[in-house]
Structures are given as C-alpha cells and as structure tokens.
Amino acid sequence: MTPAVNKPLPEFEALATAGVKFTPQANLGHAVVLYFYPKDATPGCTTEAMQFRDKHKEFLKAGAVVFGVSRDNLASHEKFKTSLELPFELIADTEEKLCHMFGVVKNKIMYGKKVKGIERSTFLIDAQGVLRAEWRGVKVAGHVDDVLKAVKLLKQAA
C-alpha cells in the first residue's frame, strides 16, 4: 500500500545504522523526513547527504528527525555515514520493501541500458505519523531548503 498525503503511514519496520529499528510508531511525537536516494558515495547522493547534514541542527530545532534510505546494505551505509560524519541514521532497504511501498523504484536509462533504480524522493511525516508532503524526482540543488521550510511550516501549524 503506497502511503498517501494526509493519511497515516502503514506500520512497517526497517533496519538503520547504529542498530536502530525504524518504525513509524517509534517516531511518533516528532516529524520525520525520509529521503530516498539511489546509492551511497555517488556524487549527487553525497551532495544531498551533506546538505541534510549541514542543516541537521535546524531540522532538529524544527522538531524533525532525518533518515536517509537506499538499497545499500548496513556496512555500506556505516562507511558512507562515517566518511561524511552524518548525524542521522541511514535505512538499509536491501529487499526494496520501503522503496516499493513508497513507489520510488523507477525504470531509468543508464549508459543506454534500461535499469531499475531509485528515483530521488523525500517524504515528510508529521508527529502523529501522517504523511504531509512528498517530493518526487528531486533535483539536489535547493531541495533540502524546501524540505526544511515545509518542516517549519508543519511545526507552526501544530
């Protein structure tokens, strides 16, 4: 079941770095930013992760926690997180359960070949576990600022 804007998220469980078990239930009480990205340590994904890192304190101040999600495994995530000094956890969706649930797996053309990949997408969940905003087919430039603005608006509305 694909989550819909203004509807509660279905229950699910995912493993993240630092041994964190992510569930919507466990994050009630604060907003959650779930950003899906194609692959650890690639140029666009590194830039996006660094931008979330650099604004992390502002997200916390606005009442939101950030989680990155990709199909990479936990070992890859730990290395990526350490190398960039990321202050948030990364969810390892190796079986693509979350990717399919959120509808971010897309057919792409890479070097002239059709491949299945992750469409860079971000989802904002409010403190009650309701999906409030989604950004699909994201371009990295300016995106983190847009998400932060939405988190601040969410906090004002609460």
N, C-alpha and C. Protein backbone atom coordinates (compact mmCIF):
# COMPACT_ATOMS: atom_id res chain seq x y z
N MET A 1 0.84 -1.19 0.00
CA MET A 1 0.00 0.00 0.00
C MET A 1 0.88 1.24 0.00
N THR A 2 0.78 2.05 -1.04
CA THR A 2 1.57 3.27 -1.13
C THR A 2 0.98 4.33 -0.20
N PRO A 3 1.82 4.92 0.65
CA PRO A 3 1.32 5.98 1.53
C PRO A 3 0.76 7.15 0.71
N ALA A 4 -0.31 7.76 1.23
CA ALA A 4 -0.93 8.88 0.55
C ALA A 4 -0.85 10.12 1.44
N VAL A 5 -0.68 11.28 0.81
CA VAL A 5 -0.61 12.53 1.56
C VAL A 5 -1.88 12.71 2.38
N ASN A 6 -1.70 13.17 3.61
CA ASN A 6 -2.76 13.40 4.60
C ASN A 6 -3.40 12.12 5.14
N LYS A 7 -2.72 10.99 4.95
CA LYS A 7 -3.16 9.71 5.52
C LYS A 7 -2.05 9.17 6.42
N PRO A 8 -2.42 8.44 7.50
CA PRO A 8 -1.38 7.85 8.36
C PRO A 8 -0.55 6.82 7.59
N LEU A 9 0.71 6.73 7.95
CA LEU A 9 1.59 5.72 7.33
C LEU A 9 1.18 4.34 7.83
N PRO A 10 1.24 3.34 6.96
CA PRO A 10 1.03 1.97 7.44
C PRO A 10 2.21 1.57 8.32
N GLU A 11 2.02 0.60 9.18
CA GLU A 11 3.12 0.14 10.03
C GLU A 11 4.13 -0.63 9.18
N PHE A 12 5.39 -0.41 9.45
CA PHE A 12 6.46 -1.18 8.84
C PHE A 12 7.67 -1.08 9.74
N GLU A 13 8.64 -1.92 9.48
CA GLU A 13 9.86 -1.92 10.27
C GLU A 13 11.05 -1.99 9.32
N ALA A 14 12.09 -1.20 9.61
CA ALA A 14 13.29 -1.21 8.77
C ALA A 14 14.52 -1.04 9.64
N LEU A 15 15.61 -1.67 9.23
CA LEU A 15 16.85 -1.56 9.99
C LEU A 15 17.68 -0.40 9.48
N ALA A 16 18.25 0.35 10.43
CA ALA A 16 19.08 1.50 10.09
C ALA A 16 20.44 1.37 10.77
N THR A 17 21.34 2.26 10.42
CA THR A 17 22.66 2.28 11.02
C THR A 17 22.54 2.45 12.54
N ALA A 18 23.62 2.14 13.24
CA ALA A 18 23.69 2.24 14.71
C ALA A 18 22.70 1.29 15.39
N GLY A 19 22.25 0.25 14.67
CA GLY A 19 21.35 -0.73 15.25
C GLY A 19 19.94 -0.21 15.50
N VAL A 20 19.59 0.89 14.87
CA VAL A 20 18.27 1.50 15.05
C VAL A 20 17.23 0.74 14.24
N LYS A 21 16.10 0.44 14.88
CA LYS A 21 14.97 -0.18 14.19
C LYS A 21 13.97 0.95 13.92
N PHE A 22 13.73 1.25 12.66
CA PHE A 22 12.81 2.34 12.32
C PHE A 22 11.40 1.80 12.17
N THR A 23 10.45 2.43 12.87
CA THR A 23 9.02 2.18 12.65
C THR A 23 8.33 3.53 12.77
N PRO A 24 7.24 3.73 12.04
CA PRO A 24 6.50 4.99 12.21
C PRO A 24 6.07 5.18 13.67
N GLN A 25 5.65 4.08 14.32
CA GLN A 25 5.19 4.12 15.71
C GLN A 25 6.27 4.66 16.65
N ALA A 26 7.52 4.23 16.43
CA ALA A 26 8.63 4.62 17.30
C ALA A 26 8.98 6.10 17.15
N ASN A 27 8.50 6.73 16.08
CA ASN A 27 8.84 8.12 15.83
C ASN A 27 7.69 9.09 16.06
N LEU A 28 6.61 8.60 16.66
CA LEU A 28 5.50 9.49 16.98
C LEU A 28 6.00 10.55 17.96
N GLY A 29 5.51 11.78 17.81
CA GLY A 29 5.93 12.84 18.72
C GLY A 29 6.87 13.84 18.05
N HIS A 30 7.44 13.45 16.92
CA HIS A 30 8.21 14.41 16.14
C HIS A 30 8.08 14.10 14.65
N ALA A 31 8.28 15.13 13.85
CA ALA A 31 8.19 14.95 12.40
C ALA A 31 9.37 14.10 11.92
N VAL A 32 9.15 13.39 10.82
CA VAL A 32 10.21 12.56 10.23
C VAL A 32 10.38 12.95 8.76
N VAL A 33 11.63 13.15 8.37
CA VAL A 33 11.97 13.35 6.97
C VAL A 33 12.62 12.06 6.50
N LEU A 34 11.97 11.39 5.56
CA LEU A 34 12.52 10.16 4.95
C LEU A 34 12.96 10.52 3.55
N TYR A 35 14.27 10.52 3.31
CA TYR A 35 14.70 10.83 1.95
C TYR A 35 15.32 9.60 1.30
N PHE A 36 14.80 9.27 0.12
CA PHE A 36 15.27 8.12 -0.64
C PHE A 36 16.29 8.60 -1.67
N TYR A 37 17.41 7.88 -1.76
CA TYR A 37 18.45 8.26 -2.71
C TYR A 37 18.98 6.99 -3.39
N PRO A 38 19.54 7.14 -4.60
CA PRO A 38 19.95 5.96 -5.36
C PRO A 38 21.09 5.12 -4.76
N LYS A 39 22.21 5.74 -4.34
CA LYS A 39 23.36 4.92 -3.95
C LYS A 39 24.35 5.69 -3.09
N ASP A 40 24.86 5.00 -2.06
CA ASP A 40 25.90 5.58 -1.20
C ASP A 40 27.12 5.98 -2.04
N ALA A 41 27.75 7.07 -1.61
CA ALA A 41 29.05 7.51 -2.14
C ALA A 41 29.07 7.82 -3.64
N THR A 42 27.92 8.20 -4.19
CA THR A 42 27.88 8.68 -5.58
C THR A 42 27.74 10.20 -5.51
N PRO A 43 28.11 10.92 -6.57
CA PRO A 43 28.18 12.39 -6.46
C PRO A 43 26.90 13.09 -5.98
N GLY A 44 25.77 12.84 -6.63
CA GLY A 44 24.53 13.51 -6.23
C GLY A 44 24.08 13.12 -4.83
N CYS A 45 24.23 11.84 -4.49
CA CYS A 45 23.80 11.34 -3.19
C CYS A 45 24.70 11.88 -2.07
N THR A 46 25.98 12.01 -2.37
CA THR A 46 26.91 12.58 -1.40
C THR A 46 26.56 14.04 -1.14
N THR A 47 26.31 14.79 -2.20
CA THR A 47 25.94 16.20 -2.06
C THR A 47 24.65 16.34 -1.24
N GLU A 48 23.64 15.53 -1.56
CA GLU A 48 22.37 15.59 -0.85
C GLU A 48 22.56 15.26 0.63
N ALA A 49 23.32 14.20 0.93
CA ALA A 49 23.57 13.80 2.32
C ALA A 49 24.28 14.91 3.08
N MET A 50 25.25 15.56 2.44
CA MET A 50 25.99 16.65 3.10
C MET A 50 25.08 17.85 3.36
N GLN A 51 24.14 18.10 2.45
CA GLN A 51 23.21 19.22 2.67
C GLN A 51 22.27 18.91 3.84
N PHE A 52 21.78 17.68 3.93
CA PHE A 52 20.96 17.31 5.10
C PHE A 52 21.82 17.38 6.37
N ARG A 53 23.07 16.96 6.28
CA ARG A 53 23.98 17.03 7.43
C ARG A 53 24.16 18.50 7.88
N ASP A 54 24.42 19.37 6.93
CA ASP A 54 24.71 20.76 7.26
C ASP A 54 23.50 21.50 7.84
N LYS A 55 22.31 21.03 7.54
CA LYS A 55 21.07 21.66 8.07
C LYS A 55 20.47 20.85 9.21
N HIS A 56 21.16 19.79 9.64
CA HIS A 56 20.60 18.86 10.61
C HIS A 56 20.12 19.54 11.89
N LYS A 57 20.93 20.44 12.44
CA LYS A 57 20.54 21.14 13.68
C LYS A 57 19.25 21.93 13.49
N GLU A 58 19.09 22.50 12.29
CA GLU A 58 17.86 23.26 12.00
C GLU A 58 16.65 22.33 11.94
N PHE A 59 16.85 21.14 11.37
CA PHE A 59 15.75 20.16 11.32
C PHE A 59 15.36 19.76 12.75
N LEU A 60 16.36 19.47 13.59
CA LEU A 60 16.08 19.10 14.98
C LEU A 60 15.35 20.22 15.71
N LYS A 61 15.82 21.45 15.52
CA LYS A 61 15.21 22.61 16.17
C LYS A 61 13.75 22.77 15.74
N ALA A 62 13.47 22.41 14.49
CA ALA A 62 12.10 22.49 13.96
C ALA A 62 11.27 21.26 14.34
N GLY A 63 11.88 20.33 15.11
CA GLY A 63 11.13 19.18 15.61
C GLY A 63 11.13 17.96 14.71
N ALA A 64 12.10 17.87 13.79
CA ALA A 64 12.12 16.74 12.84
C ALA A 64 13.40 15.92 12.94
N VAL A 65 13.26 14.62 12.74
CA VAL A 65 14.41 13.73 12.60
C VAL A 65 14.52 13.36 11.12
N VAL A 66 15.75 13.12 10.70
CA VAL A 66 16.03 12.80 9.30
C VAL A 66 16.53 11.36 9.20
N PHE A 67 16.03 10.64 8.20
CA PHE A 67 16.53 9.30 7.87
C PHE A 67 16.75 9.24 6.36
N GLY A 68 17.92 8.77 5.94
CA GLY A 68 18.17 8.50 4.53
C GLY A 68 17.84 7.05 4.25
N VAL A 69 17.38 6.75 3.04
CA VAL A 69 17.00 5.38 2.67
C VAL A 69 17.57 5.06 1.28
N SER A 70 18.28 3.93 1.19
CA SER A 70 18.67 3.43 -0.13
C SER A 70 18.73 1.90 -0.06
N ARG A 71 19.03 1.28 -1.20
CA ARG A 71 19.10 -0.18 -1.26
C ARG A 71 20.44 -0.72 -0.78
N ASP A 72 21.37 0.17 -0.43
CA ASP A 72 22.67 -0.28 0.06
C ASP A 72 22.53 -1.01 1.39
N ASN A 73 23.49 -1.90 1.69
CA ASN A 73 23.44 -2.63 2.95
C ASN A 73 23.98 -1.80 4.12
N LEU A 74 23.82 -2.32 5.32
CA LEU A 74 24.23 -1.57 6.51
C LEU A 74 25.73 -1.27 6.53
N ALA A 75 26.56 -2.20 6.05
CA ALA A 75 28.01 -1.97 6.04
C ALA A 75 28.35 -0.77 5.14
N SER A 76 27.74 -0.72 3.97
CA SER A 76 27.94 0.41 3.05
C SER A 76 27.46 1.70 3.70
N HIS A 77 26.28 1.64 4.33
CA HIS A 77 25.72 2.82 5.00
C HIS A 77 26.63 3.32 6.12
N GLU A 78 27.14 2.40 6.93
CA GLU A 78 28.01 2.80 8.05
C GLU A 78 29.25 3.53 7.52
N LYS A 79 29.82 2.99 6.44
CA LYS A 79 31.01 3.60 5.84
C LYS A 79 30.68 5.00 5.30
N PHE A 80 29.55 5.11 4.58
CA PHE A 80 29.09 6.38 4.00
C PHE A 80 28.83 7.39 5.12
N LYS A 81 28.14 6.94 6.15
CA LYS A 81 27.79 7.80 7.29
C LYS A 81 29.06 8.31 7.99
N THR A 82 30.02 7.41 8.22
CA THR A 82 31.26 7.78 8.89
C THR A 82 32.08 8.74 8.03
N SER A 83 32.21 8.44 6.74
CA SER A 83 33.05 9.28 5.87
C SER A 83 32.52 10.71 5.76
N LEU A 84 31.20 10.87 5.82
CA LEU A 84 30.61 12.21 5.71
C LEU A 84 30.24 12.81 7.06
N GLU A 85 30.49 12.04 8.15
CA GLU A 85 30.12 12.47 9.50
C GLU A 85 28.64 12.85 9.56
N LEU A 86 27.80 11.96 9.06
CA LEU A 86 26.35 12.22 9.06
C LEU A 86 25.79 12.04 10.47
N PRO A 87 25.02 13.04 10.96
CA PRO A 87 24.47 12.96 12.31
C PRO A 87 23.13 12.24 12.38
N PHE A 88 22.69 11.65 11.27
CA PHE A 88 21.41 10.94 11.23
C PHE A 88 21.65 9.53 10.71
N GLU A 89 20.64 8.67 10.89
CA GLU A 89 20.78 7.26 10.51
C GLU A 89 20.35 7.03 9.06
N LEU A 90 20.89 5.97 8.49
CA LEU A 90 20.56 5.56 7.13
C LEU A 90 19.90 4.18 7.18
N ILE A 91 18.75 4.07 6.52
CA ILE A 91 17.99 2.82 6.49
C ILE A 91 18.45 1.96 5.32
N ALA A 92 18.76 0.70 5.62
CA ALA A 92 19.18 -0.25 4.59
C ALA A 92 17.95 -0.99 4.07
N ASP A 93 17.52 -0.64 2.88
CA ASP A 93 16.34 -1.27 2.28
C ASP A 93 16.80 -2.25 1.19
N THR A 94 17.60 -3.23 1.61
CA THR A 94 18.22 -4.15 0.65
C THR A 94 17.19 -4.98 -0.12
N GLU A 95 16.04 -5.22 0.47
CA GLU A 95 15.00 -6.00 -0.22
C GLU A 95 13.98 -5.11 -0.95
N GLU A 96 14.24 -3.80 -0.91
CA GLU A 96 13.40 -2.80 -1.61
C GLU A 96 11.96 -2.73 -1.10
N LYS A 97 11.72 -3.19 0.13
CA LYS A 97 10.36 -3.16 0.65
C LYS A 97 9.85 -1.71 0.77
N LEU A 98 10.66 -0.85 1.39
CA LEU A 98 10.25 0.56 1.53
C LEU A 98 10.20 1.25 0.18
N CYS A 99 11.20 0.97 -0.66
CA CYS A 99 11.24 1.60 -1.98
C CYS A 99 9.97 1.31 -2.77
N HIS A 100 9.51 0.04 -2.71
CA HIS A 100 8.28 -0.32 -3.42
C HIS A 100 7.06 0.28 -2.72
N MET A 101 7.06 0.23 -1.39
CA MET A 101 5.94 0.78 -0.64
C MET A 101 5.72 2.26 -0.96
N PHE A 102 6.82 3.02 -1.04
CA PHE A 102 6.71 4.45 -1.33
C PHE A 102 6.71 4.75 -2.83
N GLY A 103 6.82 3.71 -3.65
CA GLY A 103 6.74 3.89 -5.10
C GLY A 103 7.90 4.67 -5.70
N VAL A 104 9.11 4.44 -5.20
CA VAL A 104 10.25 5.20 -5.71
C VAL A 104 11.16 4.39 -6.64
N VAL A 105 10.81 3.12 -6.90
CA VAL A 105 11.59 2.32 -7.84
C VAL A 105 11.08 2.64 -9.25
N LYS A 106 11.99 3.09 -10.09
CA LYS A 106 11.62 3.51 -11.45
C LYS A 106 12.56 2.89 -12.47
N ASN A 107 12.08 2.75 -13.69
CA ASN A 107 12.97 2.33 -14.77
C ASN A 107 13.72 3.56 -15.25
N LYS A 108 15.03 3.43 -15.35
CA LYS A 108 15.87 4.54 -15.79
C LYS A 108 16.73 4.06 -16.96
N ILE A 109 17.26 5.01 -17.69
CA ILE A 109 18.22 4.68 -18.74
C ILE A 109 19.59 5.12 -18.24
N MET A 110 20.50 4.15 -18.14
CA MET A 110 21.84 4.47 -17.69
C MET A 110 22.83 3.92 -18.71
N TYR A 111 23.62 4.80 -19.28
CA TYR A 111 24.58 4.41 -20.31
C TYR A 111 23.89 3.63 -21.43
N GLY A 112 22.69 4.08 -21.80
CA GLY A 112 21.96 3.47 -22.89
C GLY A 112 21.22 2.19 -22.55
N LYS A 113 21.32 1.72 -21.30
CA LYS A 113 20.64 0.49 -20.88
C LYS A 113 19.51 0.82 -19.92
N LYS A 114 18.43 0.02 -20.02
CA LYS A 114 17.33 0.17 -19.06
C LYS A 114 17.74 -0.48 -17.74
N VAL A 115 17.64 0.25 -16.66
CA VAL A 115 17.93 -0.30 -15.33
C VAL A 115 16.84 0.12 -14.37
N LYS A 116 16.69 -0.66 -13.31
CA LYS A 116 15.73 -0.31 -12.26
C LYS A 116 16.51 0.48 -11.21
N GLY A 117 16.04 1.65 -10.89
CA GLY A 117 16.76 2.46 -9.92
C GLY A 117 15.82 3.22 -9.01
N ILE A 118 16.41 3.89 -8.04
CA ILE A 118 15.64 4.68 -7.08
C ILE A 118 15.49 6.09 -7.61
N GLU A 119 14.26 6.57 -7.66
CA GLU A 119 14.01 7.97 -8.01
C GLU A 119 14.20 8.78 -6.72
N ARG A 120 15.10 9.74 -6.76
CA ARG A 120 15.37 10.58 -5.59
C ARG A 120 14.05 11.22 -5.14
N SER A 121 13.64 10.90 -3.92
CA SER A 121 12.33 11.34 -3.41
C SER A 121 12.43 11.58 -1.91
N THR A 122 11.61 12.50 -1.41
CA THR A 122 11.59 12.80 0.03
C THR A 122 10.15 12.85 0.51
N PHE A 123 9.95 12.35 1.73
CA PHE A 123 8.61 12.30 2.34
C PHE A 123 8.67 12.92 3.72
N LEU A 124 7.68 13.76 4.03
CA LEU A 124 7.60 14.42 5.33
C LEU A 124 6.40 13.86 6.09
N ILE A 125 6.69 13.28 7.25
CA ILE A 125 5.66 12.66 8.09
C ILE A 125 5.52 13.51 9.35
N ASP A 126 4.31 13.83 9.74
CA ASP A 126 4.13 14.69 10.92
C ASP A 126 4.26 13.89 12.23
N ALA A 127 4.15 14.59 13.35
CA ALA A 127 4.36 13.98 14.67
C ALA A 127 3.32 12.92 15.02
N GLN A 128 2.20 12.89 14.28
CA GLN A 128 1.16 11.87 14.50
C GLN A 128 1.28 10.69 13.53
N GLY A 129 2.34 10.70 12.71
CA GLY A 129 2.54 9.59 11.77
C GLY A 129 1.77 9.73 10.47
N VAL A 130 1.36 10.96 10.14
CA VAL A 130 0.60 11.21 8.91
C VAL A 130 1.53 11.81 7.86
N LEU A 131 1.49 11.25 6.65
CA LEU A 131 2.29 11.79 5.54
C LEU A 131 1.74 13.16 5.16
N ARG A 132 2.58 14.19 5.25
CA ARG A 132 2.12 15.56 4.97
C ARG A 132 2.63 16.14 3.66
N ALA A 133 3.76 15.65 3.17
CA ALA A 133 4.29 16.19 1.91
C ALA A 133 5.19 15.15 1.26
N GLU A 134 5.27 15.23 -0.07
CA GLU A 134 6.20 14.37 -0.79
C GLU A 134 6.81 15.15 -1.95
N TRP A 135 8.06 14.87 -2.18
CA TRP A 135 8.79 15.45 -3.30
C TRP A 135 9.32 14.27 -4.10
N ARG A 136 8.97 14.20 -5.37
CA ARG A 136 9.42 13.08 -6.22
C ARG A 136 10.26 13.62 -7.37
N GLY A 137 11.17 12.80 -7.86
CA GLY A 137 12.04 13.21 -8.96
C GLY A 137 12.85 14.44 -8.59
N VAL A 138 13.38 14.43 -7.38
CA VAL A 138 14.07 15.58 -6.80
C VAL A 138 15.38 15.92 -7.50
N LYS A 139 15.62 17.20 -7.68
CA LYS A 139 16.94 17.71 -8.07
C LYS A 139 17.58 18.17 -6.77
N VAL A 140 18.85 17.84 -6.57
CA VAL A 140 19.52 18.10 -5.29
C VAL A 140 19.57 19.60 -4.94
N ALA A 141 19.89 20.44 -5.92
CA ALA A 141 20.06 21.87 -5.64
C ALA A 141 18.79 22.48 -5.03
N GLY A 142 18.92 23.05 -3.83
CA GLY A 142 17.82 23.75 -3.18
C GLY A 142 16.80 22.85 -2.50
N HIS A 143 16.90 21.54 -2.69
CA HIS A 143 15.88 20.64 -2.16
C HIS A 143 15.82 20.62 -0.64
N VAL A 144 16.96 20.53 0.02
CA VAL A 144 16.99 20.45 1.48
C VAL A 144 16.35 21.69 2.09
N ASP A 145 16.58 22.85 1.49
CA ASP A 145 15.96 24.08 1.98
C ASP A 145 14.44 24.03 1.85
N ASP A 146 13.95 23.46 0.75
CA ASP A 146 12.49 23.31 0.55
C ASP A 146 11.89 22.42 1.64
N VAL A 147 12.59 21.32 1.94
CA VAL A 147 12.10 20.38 2.95
C VAL A 147 12.11 21.05 4.33
N LEU A 148 13.18 21.77 4.64
CA LEU A 148 13.28 22.45 5.93
C LEU A 148 12.16 23.48 6.08
N LYS A 149 11.86 24.18 5.01
CA LYS A 149 10.78 25.18 5.04
C LYS A 149 9.44 24.49 5.35
N ALA A 150 9.21 23.33 4.72
CA ALA A 150 7.97 22.57 4.97
C ALA A 150 7.90 22.07 6.41
N VAL A 151 9.04 21.65 6.96
CA VAL A 151 9.08 21.18 8.37
C VAL A 151 8.73 22.34 9.29
N LYS A 152 9.28 23.51 9.03
CA LYS A 152 9.00 24.69 9.87
C LYS A 152 7.52 25.07 9.78
N LEU A 153 6.94 25.00 8.60
CA LEU A 153 5.51 25.30 8.43
C LEU A 153 4.66 24.29 9.20
N LEU A 154 5.08 23.03 9.15
CA LEU A 154 4.38 21.97 9.87
C LEU A 154 4.38 22.25 11.37
N LYS A 155 5.52 22.69 11.88
CA LYS A 155 5.66 22.99 13.30
C LYS A 155 4.75 24.16 13.69
N GLN A 156 4.69 25.18 12.82
CA GLN A 156 3.83 26.34 13.08
C GLN A 156 2.35 25.95 13.12
N ALA A 157 2.00 25.01 12.25
CA ALA A 157 0.59 24.58 12.14
C ALA A 157 0.17 23.70 13.32
N ALA A 158 1.16 23.11 13.99
CA ALA A 158 0.85 22.16 15.08
C ALA A 158 0.30 22.87 16.31
